[in-house]
Amino acid sequence: MEQPKRVKYRKMHKDRRRGSAHAGNTLEFGDYGMQALGSAWVTSRQIEAARRTITHYFRRGGKVWIRVFPDKPITKKPAETRMGSGKGAPDHWVAVVKRGRIIFELADISEAAAKEATRLASNKLPLDVKFITRTAVAVGVGKEEEEKSEATEGTQGEH
């Protein structure tokens, strides 16, 4: 399980999970990815369980990148404790995952295997995810480039 080596402050405010991810919402390393469709706190145990599921399905082939890190401490008071007397002690660590965030990236395997590994790993996570590929992302970005190339092809034929 992952957790920070050191932190400046032991305890954190709850904060809000509304909105979508501005950073970490595109594929950077792999050919396939697992993108969050909702917002949630994903614990370090859930991230590790999903990672183990993916690597088990690959039989130690392929590559896996974990794009989220549990850097938020969650506190918990002991059982049967009266109200008051301050905030509880840090209990576990979570990663704040917003809608659109890439959680895992996969490479060096077939698309069918990546899709099945994503499906199995999604059962370990507390939010809905979507399987994405680099080509699907590139199609939306490359439309302007295709229009420019079509426009230049028309001018080349006139000369």
N, C-alpha and C. Protein backbone atom coordinates (compact mmCIF):
# COMPACT_ATOMS: atom_id res chain seq x y z
N MET A 1 0.84 -1.18 0.00
CA MET A 1 0.00 0.00 0.00
C MET A 1 0.88 1.24 0.00
N GLU A 2 0.41 2.25 -0.72
CA GLU A 2 1.17 3.47 -0.84
C GLU A 2 0.73 4.49 0.20
N GLN A 3 1.70 5.29 0.64
CA GLN A 3 1.42 6.42 1.50
C GLN A 3 2.64 7.33 1.46
N PRO A 4 2.47 8.61 1.76
CA PRO A 4 3.61 9.52 1.72
C PRO A 4 4.66 9.16 2.77
N LYS A 5 5.92 9.44 2.45
CA LYS A 5 7.00 9.20 3.41
C LYS A 5 6.90 10.18 4.58
N ARG A 6 6.72 11.47 4.25
CA ARG A 6 6.58 12.51 5.27
C ARG A 6 5.50 13.47 4.81
N VAL A 7 4.82 14.10 5.76
CA VAL A 7 3.85 15.15 5.42
C VAL A 7 4.10 16.34 6.35
N LYS A 8 3.77 17.53 5.85
CA LYS A 8 3.98 18.73 6.65
C LYS A 8 2.97 18.78 7.80
N TYR A 9 1.71 18.40 7.51
CA TYR A 9 0.67 18.39 8.54
C TYR A 9 0.02 17.02 8.60
N ARG A 10 -0.18 16.50 9.81
CA ARG A 10 -0.72 15.14 10.00
C ARG A 10 -2.19 15.02 9.63
N LYS A 11 -2.95 16.10 9.81
CA LYS A 11 -4.39 16.03 9.61
C LYS A 11 -4.82 17.06 8.58
N MET A 12 -5.89 16.72 7.81
CA MET A 12 -6.34 17.57 6.73
C MET A 12 -7.84 17.81 6.83
N HIS A 13 -8.30 18.91 6.25
CA HIS A 13 -9.74 19.16 6.15
C HIS A 13 -10.36 18.18 5.15
N LYS A 14 -11.68 18.04 5.22
CA LYS A 14 -12.36 17.10 4.32
C LYS A 14 -12.29 17.54 2.87
N ASP A 15 -12.52 18.81 2.59
CA ASP A 15 -12.50 19.37 1.25
C ASP A 15 -13.71 18.88 0.43
N ARG A 16 -13.80 19.34 -0.80
CA ARG A 16 -14.94 19.00 -1.67
C ARG A 16 -14.49 18.14 -2.83
N ARG A 17 -15.41 17.29 -3.32
CA ARG A 17 -15.08 16.41 -4.45
C ARG A 17 -15.84 16.81 -5.70
N ARG A 18 -16.43 17.99 -5.71
CA ARG A 18 -17.24 18.40 -6.85
C ARG A 18 -16.36 18.77 -8.05
N GLY A 19 -16.96 18.76 -9.24
CA GLY A 19 -16.25 19.18 -10.44
C GLY A 19 -15.49 18.05 -11.10
N SER A 20 -14.79 18.41 -12.16
CA SER A 20 -14.04 17.41 -12.92
C SER A 20 -12.54 17.68 -12.80
N ALA A 21 -11.75 16.69 -13.16
CA ALA A 21 -10.29 16.78 -13.05
C ALA A 21 -9.75 17.69 -14.14
N HIS A 22 -8.91 18.65 -13.76
CA HIS A 22 -8.27 19.53 -14.74
C HIS A 22 -6.92 18.96 -15.16
N ALA A 23 -6.26 18.27 -14.25
CA ALA A 23 -4.96 17.66 -14.55
C ALA A 23 -5.11 16.14 -14.47
N GLY A 24 -4.28 15.42 -15.20
CA GLY A 24 -4.31 13.96 -15.15
C GLY A 24 -5.50 13.35 -15.85
N ASN A 25 -6.07 14.06 -16.84
CA ASN A 25 -7.24 13.54 -17.52
C ASN A 25 -6.95 13.11 -18.96
N THR A 26 -5.66 12.98 -19.32
CA THR A 26 -5.29 12.47 -20.64
C THR A 26 -4.27 11.35 -20.48
N LEU A 27 -4.21 10.46 -21.47
CA LEU A 27 -3.22 9.39 -21.46
C LEU A 27 -1.85 9.98 -21.72
N GLU A 28 -0.88 9.65 -20.88
CA GLU A 28 0.47 10.17 -21.02
C GLU A 28 1.49 9.09 -21.30
N PHE A 29 1.31 7.88 -20.74
CA PHE A 29 2.34 6.84 -20.82
C PHE A 29 1.91 5.63 -21.65
N GLY A 30 0.73 5.08 -21.36
CA GLY A 30 0.30 3.84 -21.99
C GLY A 30 -0.60 4.04 -23.18
N ASP A 31 -1.04 2.90 -23.76
CA ASP A 31 -1.94 2.92 -24.90
C ASP A 31 -3.40 2.84 -24.48
N TYR A 32 -3.66 2.31 -23.30
CA TYR A 32 -5.02 2.14 -22.79
C TYR A 32 -5.09 2.73 -21.38
N GLY A 33 -6.30 3.10 -20.97
CA GLY A 33 -6.43 3.70 -19.65
C GLY A 33 -7.77 3.43 -19.02
N MET A 34 -7.84 3.70 -17.71
CA MET A 34 -9.05 3.57 -16.93
C MET A 34 -9.40 4.97 -16.42
N GLN A 35 -10.50 5.53 -16.93
CA GLN A 35 -10.89 6.91 -16.61
C GLN A 35 -12.10 6.92 -15.69
N ALA A 36 -12.06 7.73 -14.64
CA ALA A 36 -13.14 7.81 -13.66
C ALA A 36 -14.34 8.54 -14.25
N LEU A 37 -15.54 8.00 -14.03
CA LEU A 37 -16.77 8.65 -14.49
C LEU A 37 -17.44 9.42 -13.36
N GLY A 38 -16.96 9.27 -12.14
CA GLY A 38 -17.51 9.98 -10.99
C GLY A 38 -16.38 10.42 -10.08
N SER A 39 -16.75 11.00 -8.94
CA SER A 39 -15.77 11.45 -7.97
C SER A 39 -15.85 10.60 -6.71
N ALA A 40 -14.70 10.31 -6.12
CA ALA A 40 -14.68 9.49 -4.90
C ALA A 40 -13.32 9.58 -4.24
N TRP A 41 -13.29 9.17 -2.97
CA TRP A 41 -12.02 8.94 -2.28
C TRP A 41 -11.65 7.49 -2.53
N VAL A 42 -10.49 7.24 -3.10
CA VAL A 42 -10.02 5.88 -3.36
C VAL A 42 -8.90 5.60 -2.37
N THR A 43 -9.10 4.60 -1.52
CA THR A 43 -8.12 4.30 -0.48
C THR A 43 -6.90 3.61 -1.08
N SER A 44 -5.80 3.62 -0.33
CA SER A 44 -4.58 2.97 -0.79
C SER A 44 -4.79 1.46 -0.94
N ARG A 45 -5.65 0.88 -0.11
CA ARG A 45 -5.96 -0.55 -0.22
C ARG A 45 -6.70 -0.86 -1.52
N GLN A 46 -7.63 0.00 -1.91
CA GLN A 46 -8.38 -0.21 -3.15
C GLN A 46 -7.47 -0.07 -4.36
N ILE A 47 -6.56 0.90 -4.34
CA ILE A 47 -5.62 1.08 -5.45
C ILE A 47 -4.74 -0.16 -5.58
N GLU A 48 -4.24 -0.66 -4.45
CA GLU A 48 -3.38 -1.84 -4.46
C GLU A 48 -4.13 -3.08 -4.92
N ALA A 49 -5.39 -3.24 -4.50
CA ALA A 49 -6.19 -4.39 -4.92
C ALA A 49 -6.43 -4.36 -6.43
N ALA A 50 -6.71 -3.18 -6.98
CA ALA A 50 -6.93 -3.05 -8.42
C ALA A 50 -5.63 -3.32 -9.18
N ARG A 51 -4.51 -2.81 -8.67
CA ARG A 51 -3.22 -3.04 -9.32
C ARG A 51 -2.87 -4.52 -9.35
N ARG A 52 -3.09 -5.21 -8.23
CA ARG A 52 -2.79 -6.64 -8.17
C ARG A 52 -3.68 -7.43 -9.11
N THR A 53 -4.94 -7.02 -9.26
CA THR A 53 -5.85 -7.68 -10.18
C THR A 53 -5.36 -7.55 -11.62
N ILE A 54 -4.92 -6.34 -11.98
CA ILE A 54 -4.44 -6.10 -13.34
C ILE A 54 -3.18 -6.94 -13.62
N THR A 55 -2.20 -6.89 -12.71
CA THR A 55 -0.96 -7.63 -12.95
C THR A 55 -1.19 -9.14 -12.92
N HIS A 56 -2.13 -9.60 -12.11
CA HIS A 56 -2.46 -11.03 -12.09
C HIS A 56 -3.07 -11.46 -13.42
N TYR A 57 -3.93 -10.62 -13.98
CA TYR A 57 -4.55 -10.96 -15.27
C TYR A 57 -3.51 -10.95 -16.40
N PHE A 58 -2.55 -10.05 -16.33
CA PHE A 58 -1.50 -9.98 -17.36
C PHE A 58 -0.48 -11.09 -17.22
N ARG A 59 -0.48 -11.81 -16.10
CA ARG A 59 0.54 -12.81 -15.79
C ARG A 59 1.94 -12.20 -15.87
N ARG A 60 2.09 -11.06 -15.25
CA ARG A 60 3.33 -10.30 -15.17
C ARG A 60 3.87 -9.85 -16.54
N GLY A 61 3.00 -9.76 -17.53
CA GLY A 61 3.37 -9.17 -18.81
C GLY A 61 2.77 -7.78 -18.89
N GLY A 62 3.15 -7.02 -19.89
CA GLY A 62 2.60 -5.68 -20.05
C GLY A 62 3.15 -4.70 -19.02
N LYS A 63 2.69 -3.46 -19.15
CA LYS A 63 3.13 -2.41 -18.23
C LYS A 63 1.90 -1.75 -17.61
N VAL A 64 2.05 -1.34 -16.36
CA VAL A 64 0.96 -0.67 -15.64
C VAL A 64 1.51 0.58 -14.98
N TRP A 65 0.83 1.70 -15.19
CA TRP A 65 1.17 2.95 -14.51
C TRP A 65 0.00 3.32 -13.61
N ILE A 66 0.31 3.62 -12.34
CA ILE A 66 -0.70 4.10 -11.40
C ILE A 66 -0.64 5.62 -11.43
N ARG A 67 -1.73 6.27 -11.84
CA ARG A 67 -1.73 7.71 -12.02
C ARG A 67 -2.28 8.49 -10.83
N VAL A 68 -2.71 7.79 -9.79
CA VAL A 68 -3.21 8.48 -8.59
C VAL A 68 -2.36 8.06 -7.40
N PHE A 69 -2.22 8.96 -6.43
CA PHE A 69 -1.43 8.66 -5.24
C PHE A 69 -2.23 9.06 -4.00
N PRO A 70 -2.34 8.18 -3.01
CA PRO A 70 -3.09 8.50 -1.79
C PRO A 70 -2.30 9.42 -0.86
N ASP A 71 -2.54 10.71 -0.97
CA ASP A 71 -1.78 11.68 -0.18
C ASP A 71 -2.65 12.43 0.82
N LYS A 72 -3.89 12.01 1.01
CA LYS A 72 -4.79 12.68 1.94
C LYS A 72 -5.03 11.78 3.15
N PRO A 73 -4.68 12.24 4.37
CA PRO A 73 -4.92 11.41 5.55
C PRO A 73 -6.37 11.50 6.01
N ILE A 74 -6.96 10.38 6.37
CA ILE A 74 -8.31 10.31 6.91
C ILE A 74 -8.19 9.91 8.37
N THR A 75 -8.81 10.70 9.24
CA THR A 75 -8.71 10.44 10.67
C THR A 75 -9.93 9.66 11.16
N LYS A 76 -9.77 8.99 12.29
CA LYS A 76 -10.85 8.22 12.87
C LYS A 76 -10.69 8.21 14.38
N LYS A 77 -11.80 8.42 15.07
CA LYS A 77 -11.77 8.36 16.53
C LYS A 77 -11.97 6.92 16.97
N PRO A 78 -11.48 6.54 18.14
CA PRO A 78 -11.69 5.17 18.63
C PRO A 78 -13.18 4.87 18.84
N ALA A 79 -13.53 3.61 18.84
CA ALA A 79 -14.92 3.20 19.06
C ALA A 79 -15.34 3.56 20.49
N GLU A 80 -16.62 3.87 20.66
CA GLU A 80 -17.22 4.18 21.96
C GLU A 80 -16.53 5.32 22.66
N THR A 81 -16.18 6.37 21.89
CA THR A 81 -15.57 7.57 22.45
C THR A 81 -16.60 8.69 22.45
N ARG A 82 -16.66 9.46 23.53
CA ARG A 82 -17.63 10.56 23.61
C ARG A 82 -17.24 11.67 22.64
N MET A 83 -18.25 12.48 22.30
CA MET A 83 -18.04 13.59 21.38
C MET A 83 -17.07 14.60 21.99
N GLY A 84 -16.40 15.33 21.11
CA GLY A 84 -15.46 16.34 21.58
C GLY A 84 -14.06 15.80 21.70
N SER A 85 -13.24 16.49 22.45
CA SER A 85 -11.83 16.15 22.71
C SER A 85 -11.02 16.04 21.42
N GLY A 86 -11.33 16.89 20.45
CA GLY A 86 -10.48 17.04 19.27
C GLY A 86 -10.69 16.02 18.16
N LYS A 87 -9.93 16.22 17.13
CA LYS A 87 -10.00 15.35 15.95
C LYS A 87 -9.27 14.05 16.23
N GLY A 88 -9.71 12.98 15.61
CA GLY A 88 -9.11 11.66 15.83
C GLY A 88 -7.74 11.53 15.21
N ALA A 89 -7.13 10.39 15.44
CA ALA A 89 -5.79 10.10 14.91
C ALA A 89 -5.89 9.66 13.45
N PRO A 90 -4.84 9.92 12.65
CA PRO A 90 -4.85 9.46 11.24
C PRO A 90 -5.03 7.94 11.17
N ASP A 91 -5.95 7.50 10.31
CA ASP A 91 -6.31 6.09 10.22
C ASP A 91 -5.81 5.45 8.92
N HIS A 92 -6.11 6.10 7.78
CA HIS A 92 -5.67 5.57 6.49
C HIS A 92 -5.50 6.73 5.50
N TRP A 93 -5.05 6.41 4.28
CA TRP A 93 -4.76 7.41 3.26
C TRP A 93 -5.66 7.20 2.05
N VAL A 94 -6.10 8.31 1.43
CA VAL A 94 -6.94 8.23 0.24
C VAL A 94 -6.39 9.15 -0.85
N ALA A 95 -6.77 8.82 -2.08
CA ALA A 95 -6.51 9.70 -3.22
C ALA A 95 -7.84 10.31 -3.62
N VAL A 96 -7.88 11.61 -3.79
CA VAL A 96 -9.11 12.28 -4.22
C VAL A 96 -9.17 12.16 -5.74
N VAL A 97 -10.13 11.38 -6.24
CA VAL A 97 -10.26 11.15 -7.68
C VAL A 97 -11.52 11.86 -8.15
N LYS A 98 -11.36 12.79 -9.08
CA LYS A 98 -12.51 13.51 -9.63
C LYS A 98 -12.88 12.95 -11.00
N ARG A 99 -14.06 13.32 -11.47
CA ARG A 99 -14.57 12.84 -12.76
C ARG A 99 -13.58 13.21 -13.87
N GLY A 100 -13.24 12.23 -14.71
CA GLY A 100 -12.34 12.45 -15.84
C GLY A 100 -10.89 12.09 -15.56
N ARG A 101 -10.55 11.79 -14.33
CA ARG A 101 -9.16 11.48 -13.96
C ARG A 101 -8.77 10.08 -14.45
N ILE A 102 -7.56 9.94 -15.00
CA ILE A 102 -7.03 8.64 -15.40
C ILE A 102 -6.46 7.99 -14.15
N ILE A 103 -6.93 6.78 -13.84
CA ILE A 103 -6.49 6.09 -12.63
C ILE A 103 -5.33 5.16 -12.94
N PHE A 104 -5.47 4.34 -13.99
CA PHE A 104 -4.41 3.43 -14.41
C PHE A 104 -4.18 3.60 -15.90
N GLU A 105 -2.94 3.37 -16.34
CA GLU A 105 -2.62 3.28 -17.76
C GLU A 105 -1.94 1.94 -18.02
N LEU A 106 -2.23 1.35 -19.19
CA LEU A 106 -1.74 0.03 -19.54
C LEU A 106 -1.06 0.08 -20.90
N ALA A 107 -0.06 -0.78 -21.10
CA ALA A 107 0.63 -0.84 -22.39
C ALA A 107 1.21 -2.23 -22.61
N ASP A 108 1.66 -2.49 -23.84
CA ASP A 108 2.34 -3.73 -24.26
C ASP A 108 1.46 -4.97 -24.15
N ILE A 109 0.14 -4.81 -24.34
CA ILE A 109 -0.79 -5.94 -24.37
C ILE A 109 -1.87 -5.65 -25.40
N SER A 110 -2.68 -6.67 -25.71
CA SER A 110 -3.76 -6.48 -26.68
C SER A 110 -4.88 -5.65 -26.07
N GLU A 111 -5.70 -5.08 -26.93
CA GLU A 111 -6.81 -4.25 -26.46
C GLU A 111 -7.84 -5.07 -25.71
N ALA A 112 -8.11 -6.30 -26.17
CA ALA A 112 -9.08 -7.16 -25.49
C ALA A 112 -8.62 -7.50 -24.08
N ALA A 113 -7.32 -7.80 -23.92
CA ALA A 113 -6.78 -8.11 -22.60
C ALA A 113 -6.83 -6.89 -21.69
N ALA A 114 -6.52 -5.72 -22.24
CA ALA A 114 -6.56 -4.49 -21.45
C ALA A 114 -7.99 -4.18 -21.01
N LYS A 115 -8.95 -4.41 -21.89
CA LYS A 115 -10.35 -4.14 -21.56
C LYS A 115 -10.84 -5.07 -20.45
N GLU A 116 -10.47 -6.34 -20.53
CA GLU A 116 -10.87 -7.31 -19.50
C GLU A 116 -10.20 -7.01 -18.17
N ALA A 117 -8.91 -6.64 -18.19
CA ALA A 117 -8.20 -6.29 -16.96
C ALA A 117 -8.82 -5.05 -16.32
N THR A 118 -9.23 -4.09 -17.13
CA THR A 118 -9.91 -2.89 -16.62
C THR A 118 -11.24 -3.25 -15.98
N ARG A 119 -11.97 -4.16 -16.60
CA ARG A 119 -13.27 -4.58 -16.05
C ARG A 119 -13.08 -5.25 -14.69
N LEU A 120 -12.09 -6.14 -14.59
CA LEU A 120 -11.83 -6.84 -13.33
C LEU A 120 -11.38 -5.86 -12.24
N ALA A 121 -10.50 -4.92 -12.60
CA ALA A 121 -10.00 -3.96 -11.62
C ALA A 121 -11.07 -2.98 -11.19
N SER A 122 -12.01 -2.67 -12.07
CA SER A 122 -13.06 -1.70 -11.73
C SER A 122 -13.96 -2.21 -10.61
N ASN A 123 -14.04 -3.54 -10.46
CA ASN A 123 -14.84 -4.11 -9.37
C ASN A 123 -14.23 -3.83 -8.00
N LYS A 124 -12.94 -3.48 -7.97
CA LYS A 124 -12.26 -3.20 -6.71
C LYS A 124 -12.34 -1.73 -6.31
N LEU A 125 -12.86 -0.88 -7.20
CA LEU A 125 -12.88 0.56 -6.96
C LEU A 125 -14.28 1.06 -6.61
N PRO A 126 -14.38 2.15 -5.83
CA PRO A 126 -15.68 2.64 -5.37
C PRO A 126 -16.38 3.57 -6.37
N LEU A 127 -15.92 3.63 -7.61
CA LEU A 127 -16.54 4.50 -8.60
C LEU A 127 -16.62 3.81 -9.95
N ASP A 128 -17.45 4.34 -10.82
CA ASP A 128 -17.57 3.80 -12.17
C ASP A 128 -16.41 4.31 -13.01
N VAL A 129 -15.91 3.45 -13.90
CA VAL A 129 -14.79 3.82 -14.75
C VAL A 129 -15.13 3.51 -16.20
N LYS A 130 -14.35 4.13 -17.10
CA LYS A 130 -14.52 3.93 -18.53
C LYS A 130 -13.18 3.51 -19.11
N PHE A 131 -13.19 2.56 -20.04
CA PHE A 131 -11.98 2.11 -20.72
C PHE A 131 -11.73 3.05 -21.89
N ILE A 132 -10.52 3.60 -21.98
CA ILE A 132 -10.20 4.50 -23.08
C ILE A 132 -8.92 4.03 -23.76
N THR A 133 -8.80 4.38 -25.03
CA THR A 133 -7.61 4.04 -25.80
C THR A 133 -6.97 5.31 -26.33
N ARG A 134 -5.69 5.21 -26.68
CA ARG A 134 -4.98 6.38 -27.20
C ARG A 134 -5.54 6.81 -28.55
N THR A 135 -5.95 5.87 -29.38
CA THR A 135 -6.48 6.23 -30.70
C THR A 135 -7.80 6.97 -30.57
N ALA A 136 -8.63 6.58 -29.60
CA ALA A 136 -9.91 7.27 -29.40
C ALA A 136 -9.68 8.70 -28.95
N VAL A 137 -8.66 8.91 -28.14
CA VAL A 137 -8.34 10.26 -27.67
C VAL A 137 -7.75 11.07 -28.83
N ALA A 138 -6.90 10.44 -29.65
CA ALA A 138 -6.23 11.14 -30.73
C ALA A 138 -7.19 11.55 -31.84
N VAL A 139 -8.29 10.81 -32.03
CA VAL A 139 -9.25 11.13 -33.08
C VAL A 139 -9.89 12.48 -32.81
N GLY A 140 -10.26 12.75 -31.57
CA GLY A 140 -10.88 14.02 -31.23
C GLY A 140 -9.92 15.19 -31.36
N VAL A 141 -8.65 14.97 -31.10
CA VAL A 141 -7.66 16.04 -31.14
C VAL A 141 -7.23 16.30 -32.58
N GLY A 142 -7.13 15.24 -33.39
CA GLY A 142 -6.56 15.36 -34.72
C GLY A 142 -7.49 15.84 -35.81
N LYS A 143 -8.73 16.23 -35.50
CA LYS A 143 -9.67 16.68 -36.54
C LYS A 143 -9.16 17.93 -37.25
N GLU A 144 -8.61 18.87 -36.51
CA GLU A 144 -8.10 20.10 -37.12
C GLU A 144 -6.95 19.78 -38.06
N GLU A 145 -6.07 18.85 -37.67
CA GLU A 145 -4.95 18.49 -38.52
C GLU A 145 -5.42 17.84 -39.81
N GLU A 146 -6.48 16.99 -39.73
CA GLU A 146 -7.03 16.36 -40.93
C GLU A 146 -7.62 17.40 -41.87
N GLU A 147 -8.33 18.40 -41.31
CA GLU A 147 -8.91 19.45 -42.15
C GLU A 147 -7.81 20.25 -42.83
N LYS A 148 -6.72 20.53 -42.12
CA LYS A 148 -5.60 21.26 -42.72
C LYS A 148 -4.97 20.45 -43.84
N SER A 149 -4.81 19.13 -43.63
CA SER A 149 -4.20 18.30 -44.67
C SER A 149 -5.10 18.21 -45.89
N GLU A 150 -6.44 18.16 -45.68
CA GLU A 150 -7.37 18.14 -46.81
C GLU A 150 -7.30 19.45 -47.58
N ALA A 151 -7.17 20.56 -46.87
CA ALA A 151 -7.09 21.86 -47.51
C ALA A 151 -5.80 21.98 -48.33
N THR A 152 -4.71 21.47 -47.82
CA THR A 152 -3.43 21.53 -48.54
C THR A 152 -3.44 20.60 -49.75
N GLU A 153 -4.18 19.45 -49.65
CA GLU A 153 -4.26 18.54 -50.79
C GLU A 153 -4.96 19.22 -51.96
N GLY A 154 -5.98 20.00 -51.68
CA GLY A 154 -6.71 20.72 -52.73
C GLY A 154 -5.83 21.74 -53.43
N THR A 155 -4.97 22.43 -52.70
CA THR A 155 -4.10 23.42 -53.31
C THR A 155 -2.97 22.77 -54.11
N GLN A 156 -2.54 21.58 -53.71
CA GLN A 156 -1.47 20.91 -54.43
C GLN A 156 -1.95 20.46 -55.81
N GLY A 157 -3.21 20.08 -55.94
CA GLY A 157 -3.73 19.62 -57.21
C GLY A 157 -3.86 20.74 -58.23
N GLU A 158 -3.96 21.98 -57.80
CA GLU A 158 -4.15 23.10 -58.72
C GLU A 158 -2.86 23.48 -59.43
N HIS A 159 -1.70 23.25 -58.84
CA HIS A 159 -0.42 23.67 -59.43
C HIS A 159 -0.12 22.91 -60.65
